[in-house]
């Protein structure tokens, strides 16, 4: 289920690593030394975000699919 959420990955000069953000899950992000590592770590973060939200009885947003940015 987690892979249906959009992940935005970018290079952070300040952190000297790739940062992966999941805009539909507030505060859900991860990093990695490579693009693939950041994406894999984001998958773990999404699973943990959803598990925590479930335990706390919070609403889990439905994936919207492709996000549009201008």
Protein backbone atom coordinates (compact mmCIF):
# COMPACT_ATOMS: atom_id res chain seq x y z
CA UNK A 1 0.00 0.00 0.00
CA UNK A 2 2.74 2.51 0.85
CA UNK A 3 4.21 2.66 -2.64
CA UNK A 4 1.03 4.34 -3.93
CA UNK A 5 2.06 7.58 -2.25
CA UNK A 6 4.16 10.05 -4.22
CA UNK A 7 7.76 10.49 -3.08
CA UNK A 8 9.73 13.62 -3.92
CA UNK A 9 13.50 13.09 -3.82
CA UNK A 10 16.08 15.87 -4.02
CA UNK A 11 19.74 16.44 -3.20
CA UNK A 12 20.38 18.48 -0.05
CA UNK A 13 23.70 20.34 -0.07
CA UNK A 14 23.22 21.24 3.60
CA UNK A 15 22.79 17.60 4.62
CA UNK A 16 25.10 16.14 1.94
CA UNK A 17 22.55 13.45 1.08
CA UNK A 18 19.36 12.76 -0.85
CA UNK A 19 16.15 13.66 0.97
CA UNK A 20 12.86 11.89 0.25
CA UNK A 21 9.61 13.57 1.24
CA UNK A 22 6.09 12.11 1.19
CA UNK A 23 3.85 15.19 0.88
CA UNK A 24 0.58 13.34 1.52
CA UNK A 25 1.80 12.06 4.91
CA UNK A 26 2.68 15.15 6.98
CA UNK A 27 6.18 15.00 8.41
CA UNK A 28 7.03 11.76 6.61
CA UNK A 29 10.52 11.94 5.17
CA UNK A 30 13.80 10.03 4.99
CA UNK A 31 17.28 10.42 3.60
CA UNK A 32 20.03 8.34 2.05
CA UNK A 33 23.52 8.47 0.58
CA UNK A 34 22.06 7.49 -2.82
CA UNK A 35 18.77 8.14 -4.61
CA UNK A 36 17.80 4.48 -4.22
CA UNK A 37 18.69 4.41 -0.54
CA UNK A 38 16.56 7.51 0.09
CA UNK A 39 13.63 5.90 -1.77
CA UNK A 40 14.00 2.64 0.19
CA UNK A 41 14.21 4.54 3.47
CA UNK A 42 11.09 6.51 2.50
CA UNK A 43 9.20 3.22 2.04
CA UNK A 44 10.17 2.23 5.59
CA UNK A 45 9.19 5.67 6.92
CA UNK A 46 5.78 5.42 5.19
CA UNK A 47 5.08 2.00 6.72
CA UNK A 48 6.05 3.32 10.16
CA UNK A 49 4.01 6.53 9.67
CA UNK A 50 0.92 4.50 8.77
CA UNK A 51 1.46 2.03 11.64
CA UNK A 52 1.79 4.87 14.15
CA UNK A 53 -1.27 6.69 12.79
CA UNK A 54 -3.25 3.45 13.00
CA UNK A 55 -2.17 2.85 16.61
CA UNK A 56 -3.17 6.41 17.55
CA UNK A 57 -6.51 6.18 15.75
CA UNK A 58 -5.62 8.95 13.32
CA UNK A 59 -6.94 9.25 9.79
CA UNK A 60 -4.65 7.93 7.07
CA UNK A 61 -4.97 9.97 3.87
CA UNK A 62 -5.92 8.14 0.71
CA UNK A 63 -3.19 8.34 -1.95
CA UNK A 64 -4.11 10.93 -4.54
CA UNK A 65 -1.83 9.56 -7.22
CA UNK A 66 0.24 11.92 -9.26
CA UNK A 67 0.78 15.26 -7.56
CA UNK A 68 0.96 18.44 -9.59
CA UNK A 69 3.40 21.20 -8.79
CA UNK A 70 3.99 24.46 -10.61
